[in-house]
Amino acid sequence: MVMKKNILIVLICLLALNSFAQKERKFIREGNGYYNDGLKDTTKLDTVTFGKAEVAYRRALEIKPEDFHWQFNLANSIYKQNKPEQAASEFEKLLDKTKDSLEKTLVYHNMGNSLLAQKKFDPSIVAYKKALRINPSDPETKYNLAYAMKMKKKDEEQKKKDKDKDKDKDKDKNKDKDKDKDKDKDKDKDKKDQNKDQENKDQQKPQENKISKQSAEQILKALENDEKQTQDKVKKAQAQRAEKRKVDKNW
């Protein structure tokens, strides 16, 4: 009786393991299928299909969490969804999970790609060099290393140009400020000159209109004499008209 129970328990365990293995293989087949479908159209990045591949790989890892190959495929599917930062983190985790030289080379190579996609040129160059130390004859890694170094140089040159442009802009701004200061100085000088001219005019006006006391008295006296002579002429004319009336009038 005891023997039968033990046999039954073993059979149940084997069936359960077989069931899990079947599910794992199913998810892996699905993930690989989606991944390959995503690679078919090279003219665009099919993030939706690669996203389905990621989901399938994660389900497989729920059954077998420490499987290096499924984790590697998962990291690749994340990278193909244009998530280089997350992918680089996943590849970095894999470095401690394998001692196989070929697997390490693949991890370093793909990690370099993830870093390069983020324009992290120095870390990507380091990753490619580590891959080449393990496999010096890998042509793809050599090409990617050369490309990363070229992009780094181009980026540095562009930054230098931008810095020089900023310096030129600052110089132009300072020149404009100096010009504005000179204009303000000229305006102040013109205002001062105008004020000075006005002051001179104001000072000249009283002097031009100013008459001495003696001259004023002479003018006044002359006017009085003219008025007296006029009055005398009027009186004389009136007397002559009166006299004439007396002679001509008949009573």
C-alpha atoms as a PDB file:
ATOM      1  CA  MET A   1       0.000   0.000   0.000  1.00  0.00           C
ATOM      2  CA  VAL A   2       2.788   2.368   0.884  1.00  0.00           C
ATOM      3  CA  MET A   3       4.621   1.555  -2.327  1.00  0.00           C
ATOM      4  CA  LYS A   4       1.571   2.404  -4.401  1.00  0.00           C
ATOM      5  CA  LYS A   5       1.194   5.814  -2.741  1.00  0.00           C
ATOM      6  CA  ASN A   6       4.848   6.616  -3.416  1.00  0.00           C
ATOM      7  CA  ILE A   7       4.482   5.596  -7.035  1.00  0.00           C
ATOM      8  CA  LEU A   8       1.326   7.741  -7.327  1.00  0.00           C
ATOM      9  CA  ILE A   9       3.084  10.792  -5.877  1.00  0.00           C
ATOM     10  CA  VAL A  10       6.036  10.366  -8.258  1.00  0.00           C
ATOM     11  CA  LEU A  11       3.683  10.022 -11.216  1.00  0.00           C
ATOM     12  CA  ILE A  12       1.799  13.199 -10.201  1.00  0.00           C
ATOM     13  CA  CYS A  13       5.076  15.113  -9.903  1.00  0.00           C
ATOM     14  CA  LEU A  14       6.257  13.882 -13.298  1.00  0.00           C
ATOM     15  CA  LEU A  15       2.951  14.840 -14.878  1.00  0.00           C
ATOM     16  CA  ALA A  16       3.106  18.312 -13.286  1.00  0.00           C
ATOM     17  CA  LEU A  17       6.678  18.840 -14.462  1.00  0.00           C
ATOM     18  CA  ASN A  18       5.722  17.667 -17.934  1.00  0.00           C
ATOM     19  CA  SER A  19       2.782  20.069 -17.946  1.00  0.00           C
ATOM     20  CA  PHE A  20       4.998  23.015 -16.902  1.00  0.00           C
ATOM     21  CA  ALA A  21       7.592  22.027 -19.506  1.00  0.00           C
ATOM     22  CA  GLN A  22       4.918  21.955 -22.193  1.00  0.00           C
ATOM     23  CA  LYS A  23       3.662  25.433 -21.194  1.00  0.00           C
ATOM     24  CA  GLU A  24       7.216  26.739 -21.125  1.00  0.00           C
ATOM     25  CA  ARG A  25       7.906  25.416 -24.607  1.00  0.00           C
ATOM     26  CA  LYS A  26       4.589  26.837 -25.803  1.00  0.00           C
ATOM     27  CA  PHE A  27       5.420  30.328 -24.542  1.00  0.00           C
ATOM     28  CA  ILE A  28       8.927  30.132 -25.982  1.00  0.00           C
ATOM     29  CA  ARG A  29       7.545  29.110 -29.388  1.00  0.00           C
ATOM     30  CA  GLU A  30       5.090  32.004 -29.244  1.00  0.00           C
ATOM     31  CA  GLY A  31       7.821  34.467 -28.234  1.00  0.00           C
ATOM     32  CA  ASN A  32      10.179  33.287 -30.961  1.00  0.00           C
ATOM     33  CA  GLY A  33       7.360  33.418 -33.503  1.00  0.00           C
ATOM     34  CA  TYR A  34       6.436  37.013 -32.635  1.00  0.00           C
ATOM     35  CA  TYR A  35      10.097  38.007 -32.544  1.00  0.00           C
ATOM     36  CA  ASN A  36      10.776  36.601 -36.023  1.00  0.00           C
ATOM     37  CA  ASP A  37       7.598  38.236 -37.373  1.00  0.00           C
ATOM     38  CA  GLY A  38       8.830  41.568 -36.068  1.00  0.00           C
ATOM     39  CA  LEU A  39      12.093  41.154 -37.978  1.00  0.00           C
ATOM     40  CA  LYS A  40      10.420  40.515 -41.345  1.00  0.00           C
ATOM     41  CA  ASP A  41       9.706  44.147 -42.257  1.00  0.00           C
ATOM     42  CA  THR A  42      13.071  45.899 -42.120  1.00  0.00           C
ATOM     43  CA  THR A  43      11.574  49.279 -43.176  1.00  0.00           C
ATOM     44  CA  LYS A  44       9.942  49.911 -39.819  1.00  0.00           C
ATOM     45  CA  LEU A  45      10.163  48.968 -36.147  1.00  0.00           C
ATOM     46  CA  ASP A  46       7.179  46.772 -35.256  1.00  0.00           C
ATOM     47  CA  THR A  47       7.000  47.548 -31.540  1.00  0.00           C
ATOM     48  CA  VAL A  48       3.588  45.858 -31.189  1.00  0.00           C
ATOM     49  CA  THR A  49       4.826  42.462 -32.387  1.00  0.00           C
ATOM     50  CA  PHE A  50       7.997  42.678 -30.289  1.00  0.00           C
ATOM     51  CA  GLY A  51       5.799  43.622 -27.331  1.00  0.00           C
ATOM     52  CA  LYS A  52       3.869  40.362 -27.778  1.00  0.00           C
ATOM     53  CA  ALA A  53       7.181  38.502 -27.866  1.00  0.00           C
ATOM     54  CA  GLU A  54       8.169  40.129 -24.556  1.00  0.00           C
ATOM     55  CA  VAL A  55       4.917  38.976 -22.926  1.00  0.00           C
ATOM     56  CA  ALA A  56       5.473  35.408 -24.106  1.00  0.00           C
ATOM     57  CA  TYR A  57       9.068  35.319 -22.828  1.00  0.00           C
ATOM     58  CA  ARG A  58       7.971  36.649 -19.443  1.00  0.00           C
ATOM     59  CA  ARG A  59       5.399  33.846 -19.169  1.00  0.00           C
ATOM     60  CA  ALA A  60       8.096  31.299 -19.949  1.00  0.00           C
ATOM     61  CA  LEU A  61      10.322  32.844 -17.259  1.00  0.00           C
ATOM     62  CA  GLU A  62       7.528  32.519 -14.690  1.00  0.00           C
ATOM     63  CA  ILE A  63       7.934  28.784 -15.183  1.00  0.00           C
ATOM     64  CA  LYS A  64      11.732  28.774 -15.472  1.00  0.00           C
ATOM     65  CA  PRO A  65      13.011  32.080 -13.911  1.00  0.00           C
ATOM     66  CA  GLU A  66      16.750  31.387 -14.161  1.00  0.00           C
ATOM     67  CA  ASP A  67      16.891  30.353 -17.811  1.00  0.00           C
ATOM     68  CA  PHE A  68      19.636  32.463 -19.424  1.00  0.00           C
ATOM     69  CA  HIS A  69      18.383  32.080 -22.998  1.00  0.00           C
ATOM     70  CA  TRP A  70      14.811  33.219 -22.260  1.00  0.00           C
ATOM     71  CA  GLN A  71      16.174  36.197 -20.312  1.00  0.00           C
ATOM     72  CA  PHE A  72      18.450  37.059 -23.251  1.00  0.00           C
ATOM     73  CA  ASN A  73      15.503  36.845 -25.661  1.00  0.00           C
ATOM     74  CA  LEU A  74      13.444  39.000 -23.300  1.00  0.00           C
ATOM     75  CA  ALA A  75      16.148  41.705 -23.266  1.00  0.00           C
ATOM     76  CA  ASN A  76      16.324  41.611 -27.072  1.00  0.00           C
ATOM     77  CA  SER A  77      12.541  41.993 -27.423  1.00  0.00           C
ATOM     78  CA  ILE A  78      12.647  45.017 -25.085  1.00  0.00           C
ATOM     79  CA  TYR A  79      15.455  46.560 -27.144  1.00  0.00           C
ATOM     80  CA  LYS A  80      13.427  46.036 -30.333  1.00  0.00           C
ATOM     81  CA  GLN A  81      10.588  48.083 -28.803  1.00  0.00           C
ATOM     82  CA  ASN A  82      12.895  51.103 -28.767  1.00  0.00           C
ATOM     83  CA  LYS A  83      13.467  50.881 -25.003  1.00  0.00           C
ATOM     84  CA  PRO A  84      17.294  50.959 -24.942  1.00  0.00           C
ATOM     85  CA  GLU A  85      17.638  52.054 -21.315  1.00  0.00           C
ATOM     86  CA  GLN A  86      15.515  49.163 -20.003  1.00  0.00           C
ATOM     87  CA  ALA A  87      17.235  46.734 -22.386  1.00  0.00           C
ATOM     88  CA  ALA A  88      20.715  47.789 -21.209  1.00  0.00           C
ATOM     89  CA  SER A  89      19.652  47.113 -17.622  1.00  0.00           C
ATOM     90  CA  GLU A  90      18.425  43.617 -18.558  1.00  0.00           C
ATOM     91  CA  PHE A  91      21.643  42.784 -20.446  1.00  0.00           C
ATOM     92  CA  GLU A  92      23.748  43.958 -17.500  1.00  0.00           C
ATOM     93  CA  LYS A  93      21.906  41.521 -15.208  1.00  0.00           C
ATOM     94  CA  LEU A  94      22.817  38.650 -17.550  1.00  0.00           C
ATOM     95  CA  LEU A  95      26.581  39.174 -17.211  1.00  0.00           C
ATOM     96  CA  ASP A  96      26.618  37.443 -13.812  1.00  0.00           C
ATOM     97  CA  LYS A  97      24.378  34.596 -15.000  1.00  0.00           C
ATOM     98  CA  THR A  98      26.739  32.964 -17.463  1.00  0.00           C
ATOM     99  CA  LYS A  99      30.349  31.886 -17.655  1.00  0.00           C
ATOM    100  CA  ASP A 100      30.150  30.827 -21.270  1.00  0.00           C
ATOM    101  CA  SER A 101      32.462  33.031 -23.356  1.00  0.00           C
ATOM    102  CA  LEU A 102      30.172  33.076 -26.405  1.00  0.00           C
ATOM    103  CA  GLU A 103      27.157  34.062 -24.307  1.00  0.00           C
ATOM    104  CA  LYS A 104      29.150  36.835 -22.597  1.00  0.00           C
ATOM    105  CA  THR A 105      30.251  38.150 -26.001  1.00  0.00           C
ATOM    106  CA  LEU A 106      26.620  38.337 -27.151  1.00  0.00           C
ATOM    107  CA  VAL A 107      25.591  40.128 -23.957  1.00  0.00           C
ATOM    108  CA  TYR A 108      28.384  42.723 -24.199  1.00  0.00           C
ATOM    109  CA  HIS A 109      27.650  43.302 -27.892  1.00  0.00           C
ATOM    110  CA  ASN A 110      23.917  43.872 -27.350  1.00  0.00           C
ATOM    111  CA  MET A 111      24.523  45.948 -24.226  1.00  0.00           C
ATOM    112  CA  GLY A 112      26.834  48.132 -26.332  1.00  0.00           C
ATOM    113  CA  ASN A 113      23.998  48.583 -28.858  1.00  0.00           C
ATOM    114  CA  SER A 114      21.578  49.578 -26.082  1.00  0.00           C
ATOM    115  CA  LEU A 115      24.017  52.154 -24.709  1.00  0.00           C
ATOM    116  CA  LEU A 116      24.837  53.508 -28.164  1.00  0.00           C
ATOM    117  CA  ALA A 117      21.119  54.013 -28.859  1.00  0.00           C
ATOM    118  CA  GLN A 118      21.076  56.308 -25.806  1.00  0.00           C
ATOM    119  CA  LYS A 119      24.087  58.239 -27.168  1.00  0.00           C
ATOM    120  CA  LYS A 120      26.136  57.005 -24.216  1.00  0.00           C
ATOM    121  CA  PHE A 121      29.218  56.742 -26.393  1.00  0.00           C
ATOM    122  CA  ASP A 122      31.928  56.012 -23.826  1.00  0.00           C
ATOM    123  CA  PRO A 123      30.049  53.153 -22.043  1.00  0.00           C
ATOM    124  CA  SER A 124      29.070  51.621 -25.394  1.00  0.00           C
ATOM    125  CA  ILE A 125      32.722  51.693 -26.547  1.00  0.00           C
ATOM    126  CA  VAL A 126      33.735  49.952 -23.315  1.00  0.00           C
ATOM    127  CA  ALA A 127      31.092  47.230 -23.861  1.00  0.00           C
ATOM    128  CA  TYR A 128      32.213  46.579 -27.454  1.00  0.00           C
ATOM    129  CA  LYS A 129      35.851  46.376 -26.389  1.00  0.00           C
ATOM    130  CA  LYS A 130      34.991  43.822 -23.698  1.00  0.00           C
ATOM    131  CA  ALA A 131      33.185  41.735 -26.310  1.00  0.00           C
ATOM    132  CA  LEU A 132      36.211  41.902 -28.608  1.00  0.00           C
ATOM    133  CA  ARG A 133      38.581  40.841 -25.836  1.00  0.00           C
ATOM    134  CA  ILE A 134      36.607  37.587 -25.664  1.00  0.00           C
ATOM    135  CA  ASN A 135      36.099  37.245 -29.419  1.00  0.00           C
ATOM    136  CA  PRO A 136      38.596  39.496 -31.279  1.00  0.00           C
ATOM    137  CA  SER A 137      37.539  38.296 -34.737  1.00  0.00           C
ATOM    138  CA  ASP A 138      33.832  39.288 -34.478  1.00  0.00           C
ATOM    139  CA  PRO A 139      33.246  41.574 -37.535  1.00  0.00           C
ATOM    140  CA  GLU A 140      29.914  43.003 -36.311  1.00  0.00           C
ATOM    141  CA  THR A 141      31.350  44.077 -32.970  1.00  0.00           C
ATOM    142  CA  LYS A 142      34.360  45.624 -34.747  1.00  0.00           C
ATOM    143  CA  TYR A 143      32.052  47.596 -37.011  1.00  0.00           C
ATOM    144  CA  ASN A 144      29.863  48.772 -34.119  1.00  0.00           C
ATOM    145  CA  LEU A 145      32.927  49.831 -32.126  1.00  0.00           C
ATOM    146  CA  ALA A 146      34.236  51.900 -35.053  1.00  0.00           C
ATOM    147  CA  TYR A 147      30.793  53.438 -35.541  1.00  0.00           C
ATOM    148  CA  ALA A 148      30.483  54.332 -31.837  1.00  0.00           C
ATOM    149  CA  MET A 149      33.908  56.008 -31.894  1.00  0.00           C
ATOM    150  CA  LYS A 150      32.948  57.937 -35.040  1.00  0.00           C
ATOM    151  CA  MET A 151      29.675  59.131 -33.473  1.00  0.00           C
ATOM    152  CA  LYS A 152      31.510  60.178 -30.314  1.00  0.00           C
ATOM    153  CA  LYS A 153      33.929  62.315 -32.349  1.00  0.00           C
ATOM    154  CA  LYS A 154      31.075  63.847 -34.324  1.00  0.00           C
ATOM    155  CA  ASP A 155      29.198  64.642 -31.107  1.00  0.00           C
ATOM    156  CA  GLU A 156      32.255  66.322 -29.576  1.00  0.00           C
ATOM    157  CA  GLU A 157      32.762  68.433 -32.710  1.00  0.00           C
ATOM    158  CA  GLN A 158      29.115  69.495 -32.685  1.00  0.00           C
ATOM    159  CA  LYS A 159      29.316  70.441 -29.006  1.00  0.00           C
ATOM    160  CA  LYS A 160      32.415  72.525 -29.752  1.00  0.00           C
ATOM    161  CA  LYS A 161      30.603  74.299 -32.608  1.00  0.00           C
ATOM    162  CA  ASP A 162      27.603  74.990 -30.366  1.00  0.00           C
ATOM    163  CA  LYS A 163      29.919  76.336 -27.672  1.00  0.00           C
ATOM    164  CA  ASP A 164      31.662  78.626 -30.183  1.00  0.00           C
ATOM    165  CA  LYS A 165      28.270  79.847 -31.422  1.00  0.00           C
ATOM    166  CA  ASP A 166      27.240  80.645 -27.863  1.00  0.00           C
ATOM    167  CA  LYS A 167      30.467  82.601 -27.389  1.00  0.00           C
ATOM    168  CA  ASP A 168      29.821  84.549 -30.597  1.00  0.00           C
ATOM    169  CA  LYS A 169      26.273  85.287 -29.454  1.00  0.00           C
ATOM    170  CA  ASP A 170      27.588  86.566 -26.131  1.00  0.00           C
ATOM    171  CA  LYS A 171      30.083  88.777 -27.968  1.00  0.00           C
ATOM    172  CA  ASP A 172      27.343  90.170 -30.191  1.00  0.00           C
ATOM    173  CA  LYS A 173      25.162  90.829 -27.165  1.00  0.00           C
ATOM    174  CA  ASN A 174      28.010  92.683 -25.466  1.00  0.00           C
ATOM    175  CA  LYS A 175      28.625  94.699 -28.643  1.00  0.00           C
ATOM    176  CA  ASP A 176      24.945  95.614 -28.812  1.00  0.00           C
ATOM    177  CA  LYS A 177      25.033  96.652 -25.174  1.00  0.00           C
ATOM    178  CA  ASP A 178      28.072  98.851 -25.833  1.00  0.00           C
ATOM    179  CA  LYS A 179      26.312 100.401 -28.834  1.00  0.00           C
ATOM    180  CA  ASP A 180      23.239 101.083 -26.722  1.00  0.00           C
ATOM    181  CA  LYS A 181      25.426 102.672 -24.070  1.00  0.00           C
ATOM    182  CA  ASP A 182      27.092 104.887 -26.701  1.00  0.00           C
ATOM    183  CA  LYS A 183      23.677 105.853 -28.066  1.00  0.00           C
ATOM    184  CA  ASP A 184      22.488 106.743 -24.580  1.00  0.00           C
ATOM    185  CA  LYS A 185      25.619 108.809 -24.045  1.00  0.00           C
ATOM    186  CA  ASP A 186      25.049 110.635 -27.349  1.00  0.00           C
ATOM    187  CA  LYS A 187      21.425 111.260 -26.422  1.00  0.00           C
ATOM    188  CA  ASP A 188      22.450 112.648 -23.034  1.00  0.00           C
ATOM    189  CA  LYS A 189      25.051 114.848 -24.728  1.00  0.00           C
ATOM    190  CA  ASP A 190      22.479 116.127 -27.244  1.00  0.00           C
ATOM    191  CA  LYS A 191      20.050 116.888 -24.435  1.00  0.00           C
ATOM    192  CA  LYS A 192      22.738 118.749 -22.528  1.00  0.00           C
ATOM    193  CA  ASP A 193      23.676 120.729 -25.656  1.00  0.00           C
ATOM    194  CA  GLN A 194      20.018 121.556 -26.302  1.00  0.00           C
ATOM    195  CA  ASN A 195      19.535 122.669 -22.717  1.00  0.00           C
ATOM    196  CA  LYS A 196      22.663 124.800 -22.928  1.00  0.00           C
ATOM    197  CA  ASP A 197      21.493 126.415 -26.194  1.00  0.00           C
ATOM    198  CA  GLN A 198      18.115 127.136 -24.655  1.00  0.00           C
ATOM    199  CA  GLU A 199      19.773 128.696 -21.626  1.00  0.00           C
ATOM    200  CA  ASN A 200      21.858 130.911 -23.898  1.00  0.00           C
ATOM    201  CA  LYS A 201      18.735 131.983 -25.812  1.00  0.00           C
ATOM    202  CA  ASP A 202      16.893 132.702 -22.589  1.00  0.00           C
ATOM    203  CA  GLN A 203      19.816 134.806 -21.400  1.00  0.00           C
ATOM    204  CA  GLN A 204      19.961 136.719 -24.705  1.00  0.00           C
ATOM    205  CA  LYS A 205      16.269 137.622 -24.786  1.00  0.00           C
ATOM    206  CA  PRO A 206      16.263 139.896 -21.709  1.00  0.00           C
ATOM    207  CA  GLN A 207      19.433 141.588 -22.925  1.00  0.00           C
ATOM    208  CA  GLU A 208      17.901 142.303 -26.333  1.00  0.00           C
ATOM    209  CA  ASN A 209      14.687 143.722 -24.822  1.00  0.00           C
ATOM    210  CA  LYS A 210      16.402 145.538 -21.977  1.00  0.00           C
ATOM    211  CA  ILE A 211      16.213 149.439 -22.247  1.00  0.00           C
ATOM    212  CA  SER A 212      18.188 151.797 -20.058  1.00  0.00           C
ATOM    213  CA  LYS A 213      16.365 154.139 -17.696  1.00  0.00           C
ATOM    214  CA  GLN A 214      17.749 157.207 -19.473  1.00  0.00           C
ATOM    215  CA  SER A 215      16.522 156.001 -22.853  1.00  0.00           C
ATOM    216  CA  ALA A 216      13.099 155.303 -21.423  1.00  0.00           C
ATOM    217  CA  GLU A 217      12.833 158.794 -19.997  1.00  0.00           C
ATOM    218  CA  GLN A 218      13.886 160.320 -23.311  1.00  0.00           C
ATOM    219  CA  ILE A 219      11.291 158.301 -25.209  1.00  0.00           C
ATOM    220  CA  LEU A 220       8.608 159.249 -22.688  1.00  0.00           C
ATOM    221  CA  LYS A 221       9.543 162.947 -22.906  1.00  0.00           C
ATOM    222  CA  ALA A 222       9.468 162.846 -26.690  1.00  0.00           C
ATOM    223  CA  LEU A 223       5.994 161.299 -26.586  1.00  0.00           C
ATOM    224  CA  GLU A 224       4.808 164.015 -24.187  1.00  0.00           C
ATOM    225  CA  ASN A 225       6.186 166.744 -26.481  1.00  0.00           C
ATOM    226  CA  ASP A 226       4.463 165.187 -29.490  1.00  0.00           C
ATOM    227  CA  GLU A 227       1.206 165.035 -27.588  1.00  0.00           C
ATOM    228  CA  LYS A 228       1.549 168.701 -26.436  1.00  0.00           C
ATOM    229  CA  GLN A 229       2.276 169.880 -29.981  1.00  0.00           C
ATOM    230  CA  THR A 230      -0.704 167.929 -31.221  1.00  0.00           C
ATOM    231  CA  GLN A 231      -2.957 169.498 -28.589  1.00  0.00           C
ATOM    232  CA  ASP A 232      -1.660 172.995 -29.445  1.00  0.00           C
ATOM    233  CA  LYS A 233      -2.421 172.444 -33.117  1.00  0.00           C
ATOM    234  CA  VAL A 234      -5.923 171.254 -32.244  1.00  0.00           C
ATOM    235  CA  LYS A 235      -6.587 174.311 -30.046  1.00  0.00           C
ATOM    236  CA  LYS A 236      -5.267 176.688 -32.712  1.00  0.00           C
ATOM    237  CA  ALA A 237      -7.466 175.096 -35.343  1.00  0.00           C
ATOM    238  CA  GLN A 238     -10.500 175.334 -33.089  1.00  0.00           C
ATOM    239  CA  ALA A 239      -9.800 179.063 -32.426  1.00  0.00           C
ATOM    240  CA  GLN A 240      -9.511 179.786 -36.142  1.00  0.00           C
ATOM    241  CA  ARG A 241     -12.829 178.052 -36.860  1.00  0.00           C
ATOM    242  CA  ALA A 242     -14.514 180.049 -34.066  1.00  0.00           C
ATOM    243  CA  GLU A 243     -13.128 183.324 -35.380  1.00  0.00           C
ATOM    244  CA  LYS A 244     -14.301 182.528 -38.847  1.00  0.00           C
ATOM    245  CA  ARG A 245     -17.775 181.850 -37.613  1.00  0.00           C
ATOM    246  CA  LYS A 246     -17.932 185.296 -35.985  1.00  0.00           C
ATOM    247  CA  VAL A 247     -17.061 187.096 -39.220  1.00  0.00           C
ATOM    248  CA  ASP A 248     -19.425 185.221 -41.490  1.00  0.00           C
ATOM    249  CA  LYS A 249     -22.459 185.156 -39.216  1.00  0.00           C
ATOM    250  CA  ASN A 250     -25.252 187.745 -39.753  1.00  0.00           C
ATOM    251  CA  TRP A 251     -27.386 188.610 -36.829  1.00  0.00           C
END
